[in-house]
Protein backbone atom coordinates (compact mmCIF):
# COMPACT_ATOMS: atom_id res chain seq x y z
CA MET A 1 -10.69 4.55 18.62
CA THR A 2 -7.16 5.94 18.49
CA ILE A 3 -4.65 3.40 17.18
CA GLN A 4 -1.10 3.96 18.41
CA TRP A 5 1.72 1.90 16.93
CA PHE A 6 5.22 3.32 16.72
CA PRO A 7 7.81 0.58 17.32
CA GLY A 8 11.34 1.62 18.19
CA HIS A 9 12.80 0.54 14.85
CA MET A 10 10.49 3.02 13.10
CA THR A 11 11.81 5.87 15.22
CA ARG A 12 15.34 4.86 14.27
CA ALA A 13 14.34 4.55 10.59
CA ARG A 14 13.07 8.13 10.56
CA ARG A 15 16.37 9.36 11.97
CA GLN A 16 18.37 7.24 9.51
CA ILE A 17 16.39 8.55 6.54
CA GLN A 18 17.05 12.14 7.54
CA ASP A 19 20.76 11.37 7.92
CA LYS A 20 20.95 9.90 4.39
CA LEU A 21 19.00 12.63 2.55
CA LYS A 22 22.11 14.49 1.46
CA LEU A 23 23.10 11.43 -0.62
CA ILE A 24 19.71 11.16 -2.34
CA ASP A 25 18.69 12.54 -5.76
CA VAL A 26 15.06 11.46 -5.86
CA VAL A 27 12.54 10.03 -3.42
CA ILE A 28 10.30 7.20 -4.61
CA GLU A 29 7.17 7.22 -2.47
CA LEU A 30 5.29 3.95 -2.62
CA LEU A 31 1.56 4.09 -1.89
CA ASP A 32 -1.15 1.46 -1.98
CA ALA A 33 -3.19 2.20 -5.11
CA ARG A 34 -6.34 1.12 -3.26
CA LEU A 35 -5.95 3.80 -0.59
CA PRO A 36 -3.43 6.50 -1.55
CA VAL A 37 -4.40 8.85 1.28
CA SER A 38 -4.53 6.37 4.13
CA SER A 39 -1.28 4.70 2.99
CA ARG A 40 0.54 8.03 2.78
CA ASN A 41 2.52 8.93 5.88
CA PRO A 42 1.72 12.57 6.77
CA MET A 43 5.17 12.88 8.34
CA ILE A 44 6.92 12.19 5.02
CA ASP A 45 6.78 15.79 3.76
CA GLU A 46 8.51 16.94 6.92
CA ILE A 47 11.08 14.13 6.81
CA LEU A 48 12.01 14.52 3.13
CA GLN A 49 12.59 18.28 3.24
CA GLY A 50 11.51 19.09 -0.32
CA LYS A 51 13.50 16.44 -2.20
CA PRO A 52 12.33 15.68 -5.79
CA ARG A 53 9.70 12.98 -5.55
CA MET A 54 7.61 10.64 -7.61
CA ILE A 55 4.70 8.52 -6.43
CA LEU A 56 4.20 4.89 -7.35
CA LEU A 57 0.69 3.55 -6.89
CA ASN A 58 1.58 -0.03 -6.06
CA LYS A 59 -0.70 -3.06 -6.09
CA SER A 60 -2.51 -1.36 -8.98
CA ASP A 61 -3.54 -4.78 -10.31
CA LEU A 62 -5.76 -5.06 -7.21
CA ALA A 63 -7.18 -1.53 -7.40
CA ASP A 64 -10.15 -0.16 -9.36
CA ALA A 65 -8.47 0.98 -12.60
CA LYS A 66 -10.85 3.92 -13.10
CA VAL A 67 -10.20 5.26 -9.61
CA THR A 68 -6.44 4.80 -10.02
CA GLN A 69 -6.51 6.94 -13.15
CA GLU A 70 -8.37 9.62 -11.22
CA TRP A 71 -5.55 9.59 -8.66
CA ILE A 72 -2.91 9.95 -11.37
CA GLU A 73 -4.69 13.04 -12.70
CA TYR A 74 -5.08 14.38 -9.17
CA PHE A 75 -1.36 14.12 -8.42
CA LYS A 76 -0.53 15.60 -11.82
CA LYS A 77 -2.52 18.72 -10.91
CA GLU A 78 -0.50 18.84 -7.69
CA GLY A 79 2.70 18.86 -9.75
CA ILE A 80 3.70 15.33 -8.75
CA THR A 81 4.61 12.55 -11.17
CA ALA A 82 2.56 9.47 -10.32
CA PHE A 83 1.95 6.21 -12.14
CA PRO A 84 0.59 2.75 -11.35
CA VAL A 85 2.85 -0.23 -10.77
CA ASP A 86 2.51 -3.73 -9.44
CA ALA A 87 5.67 -5.04 -7.86
CA SER A 88 4.36 -8.60 -7.66
CA THR A 89 3.62 -8.93 -11.38
CA GLY A 90 6.14 -6.38 -12.67
CA THR A 91 3.54 -4.07 -14.24
CA ASN A 92 5.28 -0.78 -15.24
CA VAL A 93 8.25 -1.48 -12.93
CA LYS A 94 10.76 -1.17 -15.79
CA ASP A 95 9.63 2.45 -16.31
CA ILE A 96 10.82 3.60 -12.87
CA PRO A 97 14.50 4.40 -13.74
CA THR A 98 13.41 6.31 -16.86
CA GLN A 99 10.84 8.32 -14.92
CA ALA A 100 13.41 9.12 -12.24
CA LYS A 101 15.85 10.45 -14.84
CA LEU A 102 13.10 12.55 -16.42
CA LEU A 103 12.36 14.04 -13.01
CA LEU A 104 16.04 15.01 -12.70
CA LYS A 105 16.48 16.07 -16.35
CA GLU A 106 17.43 19.69 -15.62
CA LYS A 107 20.07 18.65 -13.09
CA ILE A 108 21.49 16.01 -15.43
CA ASP A 109 21.55 18.44 -18.37
CA ARG A 110 23.50 20.96 -16.27
CA GLN A 111 26.05 18.32 -15.36
CA ILE A 112 26.49 17.29 -19.00
CA ALA A 113 26.88 20.95 -20.03
CA LYS A 114 29.73 21.25 -17.51
CA GLY A 115 31.40 18.16 -18.90
CA ILE A 116 30.43 16.03 -15.92
CA ASN A 117 29.48 12.44 -16.64
CA PRO A 118 26.29 11.89 -14.59
CA ARG A 119 26.51 9.03 -12.11
CA ALA A 120 23.70 6.59 -11.42
CA VAL A 121 20.58 8.17 -9.97
CA ARG A 122 20.36 7.60 -6.23
CA GLY A 123 16.82 6.93 -5.12
CA LEU A 124 15.28 6.55 -1.71
CA ILE A 125 12.25 4.25 -1.45
CA VAL A 126 9.83 5.15 1.32
CA GLY A 127 6.44 3.82 2.32
CA ILE A 128 4.44 2.38 5.16
CA PRO A 129 4.84 -1.28 6.18
CA ASN A 130 3.60 -3.97 3.81
CA VAL A 131 3.12 -1.59 0.90
CA GLY A 132 5.53 -3.66 -1.23
CA LYS A 133 8.90 -1.89 -1.01
CA SER A 134 11.03 -5.02 -0.77
CA THR A 135 9.09 -6.77 -3.53
CA LEU A 136 9.60 -3.74 -5.76
CA ILE A 137 13.33 -3.62 -5.06
CA ASN A 138 13.73 -7.31 -5.85
CA ARG A 139 11.80 -6.83 -9.09
CA LEU A 140 13.97 -3.85 -10.09
CA ALA A 141 17.21 -5.60 -9.18
CA GLY A 142 16.17 -8.82 -10.91
CA ARG A 143 17.09 -10.93 -7.91
CA ASN A 144 16.08 -11.50 -4.30
CA ILE A 145 18.02 -8.91 -2.33
CA ALA A 146 15.48 -7.39 0.03
CA ALA A 147 13.57 -9.51 2.51
CA THR A 148 9.87 -9.80 1.66
CA GLY A 149 6.79 -10.96 3.50
CA ASP A 150 3.00 -10.73 3.58
CA ARG A 151 3.10 -9.00 6.93
CA PRO A 152 4.21 -5.51 7.96
CA GLY A 153 7.58 -4.86 9.54
CA VAL A 154 9.74 -7.28 7.52
CA THR A 155 12.43 -4.75 6.55
CA LYS A 156 14.32 -3.65 9.67
CA GLY A 157 17.52 -2.04 8.28
CA GLN A 158 18.84 -0.01 5.36
CA GLN A 159 20.78 -1.19 2.33
CA TRP A 160 21.98 0.19 -1.02
CA ILE A 161 20.89 -1.84 -4.03
CA LYS A 162 22.09 -1.44 -7.62
CA VAL A 163 19.50 -1.39 -10.40
CA GLY A 164 21.55 -1.92 -13.54
CA LYS A 165 23.85 1.01 -14.31
CA GLU A 166 21.16 3.67 -14.13
CA MET A 167 20.03 3.65 -10.53
CA GLU A 168 20.99 2.85 -6.95
CA LEU A 169 18.25 2.45 -4.38
CA LEU A 170 18.28 2.86 -0.63
CA ASP A 171 15.76 0.59 0.99
CA THR A 172 14.28 1.65 4.33
CA PRO A 173 11.95 0.07 6.88
CA GLY A 174 8.30 1.03 6.57
CA ILE A 175 7.35 3.98 8.75
CA LEU A 176 3.93 4.44 10.28
CA TRP A 177 3.00 7.62 12.07
CA PRO A 178 2.50 7.64 15.85
CA LYS A 179 -1.28 7.40 15.87
CA PHE A 180 -4.36 7.55 13.65
CA GLU A 181 -6.77 10.28 14.71
CA ASP A 182 -9.30 9.10 12.09
CA GLN A 183 -10.38 5.56 12.95
CA ASN A 184 -11.34 4.90 9.33
CA VAL A 185 -7.70 5.36 8.27
CA GLY A 186 -6.74 2.61 10.69
CA TYR A 187 -9.49 0.32 9.44
CA ARG A 188 -8.62 0.87 5.76
CA LEU A 189 -5.00 0.04 6.48
CA ALA A 190 -6.06 -3.02 8.44
CA VAL A 191 -8.40 -4.26 5.70
CA THR A 192 -5.54 -4.18 3.16
CA GLY A 193 -3.04 -5.72 5.58
CA ALA A 194 -0.77 -2.76 6.39
CA ILE A 195 -1.42 -3.08 10.12
CA LYS A 196 -0.73 -6.28 12.03
CA GLU A 197 -4.01 -8.02 12.84
CA GLU A 198 -2.97 -8.30 16.48
CA ILE A 199 -3.55 -4.56 16.85
CA LEU A 200 -7.20 -4.61 15.79
CA ASN A 201 -9.95 -7.18 16.20
CA ALA A 202 -10.26 -9.34 13.05
CA GLU A 203 -14.05 -9.27 13.23
CA ASP A 204 -14.12 -5.46 13.39
CA ILE A 205 -11.77 -5.24 10.41
CA ALA A 206 -13.82 -7.70 8.35
CA PHE A 207 -17.11 -6.00 9.23
CA PHE A 208 -15.64 -2.68 8.07
CA GLY A 209 -14.56 -4.30 4.80
CA ILE A 210 -17.93 -5.94 4.20
CA SER A 211 -19.78 -2.68 4.90
CA TYR A 212 -17.59 -0.89 2.36
CA LEU A 213 -18.07 -3.54 -0.33
CA MET A 214 -21.82 -3.49 0.26
CA ARG A 215 -21.87 0.22 -0.58
CA TYR A 216 -19.42 0.34 -3.50
CA TYR A 217 -18.70 -3.16 -4.84
CA TRP A 218 -21.82 -5.13 -4.10
CA ASP A 219 -21.73 -7.21 -7.30
CA SER A 220 -18.29 -8.60 -6.43
CA LEU A 221 -19.36 -9.46 -2.89
CA GLU A 222 -22.63 -10.99 -4.07
CA GLU A 223 -20.96 -13.18 -6.68
CA ARG A 224 -18.20 -14.40 -4.38
CA TYR A 225 -20.45 -15.52 -1.54
CA GLY A 226 -23.78 -16.25 -3.21
CA LEU A 227 -25.69 -13.34 -1.72
CA GLN A 228 -28.52 -13.23 -4.26
CA GLU A 229 -31.10 -13.34 -1.45
CA PHE A 230 -29.44 -10.47 0.41
CA SER A 231 -30.08 -6.79 -0.19
CA LYS A 232 -27.25 -4.35 -0.78
CA ASP A 233 -29.50 -1.56 0.47
CA ALA A 234 -29.77 -3.05 3.95
CA ASP A 235 -26.43 -1.65 5.07
CA ASP A 236 -26.81 -2.06 8.81
CA SER A 237 -25.01 -4.10 11.45
CA ASP A 238 -27.48 -7.00 11.27
CA SER A 239 -26.99 -7.30 7.51
CA VAL A 240 -23.21 -7.28 7.88
CA VAL A 241 -23.37 -10.03 10.51
CA ALA A 242 -25.69 -12.08 8.27
CA ILE A 243 -23.25 -11.78 5.37
CA MET A 244 -20.32 -12.74 7.60
CA GLU A 245 -22.27 -15.81 8.73
CA GLN A 246 -22.82 -16.69 5.07
CA VAL A 247 -19.06 -16.39 4.49
CA GLY A 248 -18.53 -18.71 7.45
CA ARG A 249 -20.94 -21.32 6.14
CA ILE A 250 -19.34 -21.33 2.70
CA ARG A 251 -15.81 -21.47 4.09
CA GLY A 252 -16.53 -24.21 6.63
CA CYS A 253 -16.28 -22.05 9.75
CA VAL A 254 -19.07 -23.94 11.53
CA VAL A 255 -18.63 -25.06 15.15
CA SER A 256 -20.72 -27.22 17.49
CA GLY A 257 -24.41 -26.45 17.49
CA GLY A 258 -24.26 -25.09 13.95
CA ARG A 259 -22.86 -21.78 15.11
CA ILE A 260 -20.48 -19.78 12.90
CA ASP A 261 -16.98 -19.05 14.16
CA LEU A 262 -17.04 -15.36 13.22
CA GLU A 263 -13.38 -14.80 13.93
CA LYS A 264 -12.35 -17.63 11.64
CA ALA A 265 -14.82 -16.44 8.99
CA SER A 266 -13.48 -12.90 9.31
CA ARG A 267 -9.90 -14.03 8.71
CA ALA A 268 -10.99 -16.08 5.70
CA PHE A 269 -12.81 -13.07 4.24
CA LEU A 270 -9.80 -10.77 4.77
CA ARG A 271 -7.41 -13.25 3.14
CA GLU A 272 -9.62 -13.47 0.07
CA LEU A 273 -10.19 -9.74 -0.17
CA ARG A 274 -6.46 -8.97 0.08
CA ALA A 275 -5.64 -11.62 -2.51
CA GLY A 276 -7.99 -10.05 -5.06
CA LYS A 277 -10.47 -12.93 -5.00
CA MET A 278 -13.34 -10.44 -5.16
CA GLY A 279 -11.88 -8.48 -8.03
CA ARG A 280 -10.46 -4.98 -8.06
CA PHE A 281 -11.52 -2.43 -5.47
CA SER A 282 -10.39 0.95 -4.19
CA MET A 283 -11.21 2.38 -0.78
CA GLU A 284 -10.47 6.04 -1.53
CA ALA A 285 -11.09 8.37 -4.46
CA PRO A 286 -9.76 11.91 -4.96
CA TYR A 287 -13.13 13.44 -5.80
């Protein structure tokens, strides 16, 4: 499977970002803490042309805390400042302006030494669709400025937003890359909601998610859906289907003849997984 999804507004967004770089002091790269690799656009390094950067691991309240800490240490070894945030709850969001100024400390110190009063830090927020950019901006600004939504592709333009007196942010539309050579990247993004469900089959996405939870977060899956009679070691297609049917029974996805509407059950499962109803989970680890 090769997923291709590169709407025209994303092509324009890439061009607009490159045009604005000369105005930017620091790039704030927003990743999904549950899948920092799959939610990281491989084109970003090329687009940003070496600008100072910090990484925010967003939705950290939904991610496995132990794995998130491993990612922070990983990025630190790569020479990149990274820390967890949660735009929805505000976790660590207030630290962003301070961290940005620390990243630019040498530049600011040089300006002060020359008698120049440093202006507000200008930051560029980048990230793939539905990673939480607009929610983060609204949280930083303390008011609803950027459009938000639980679906990818909400932000379509660019706007400058003041964050107190310390920072100005340039919001940008989410940018996905032209295609995913690794089908698992596409499925991970789909499980967490970064890709519109119209692009992939809901049942395929849910089956991928169930298979992953069976391997790494069985206790959460078992508790949520009463799977005490199921075996986590039977990780095959029949077992996944049986678990999905159990989800359907519990969630009332039964149709005539006692059959389970697997598509409806799949969508119910994905909604609950994305909302954290099965507890914290991460789909990628650095080691």
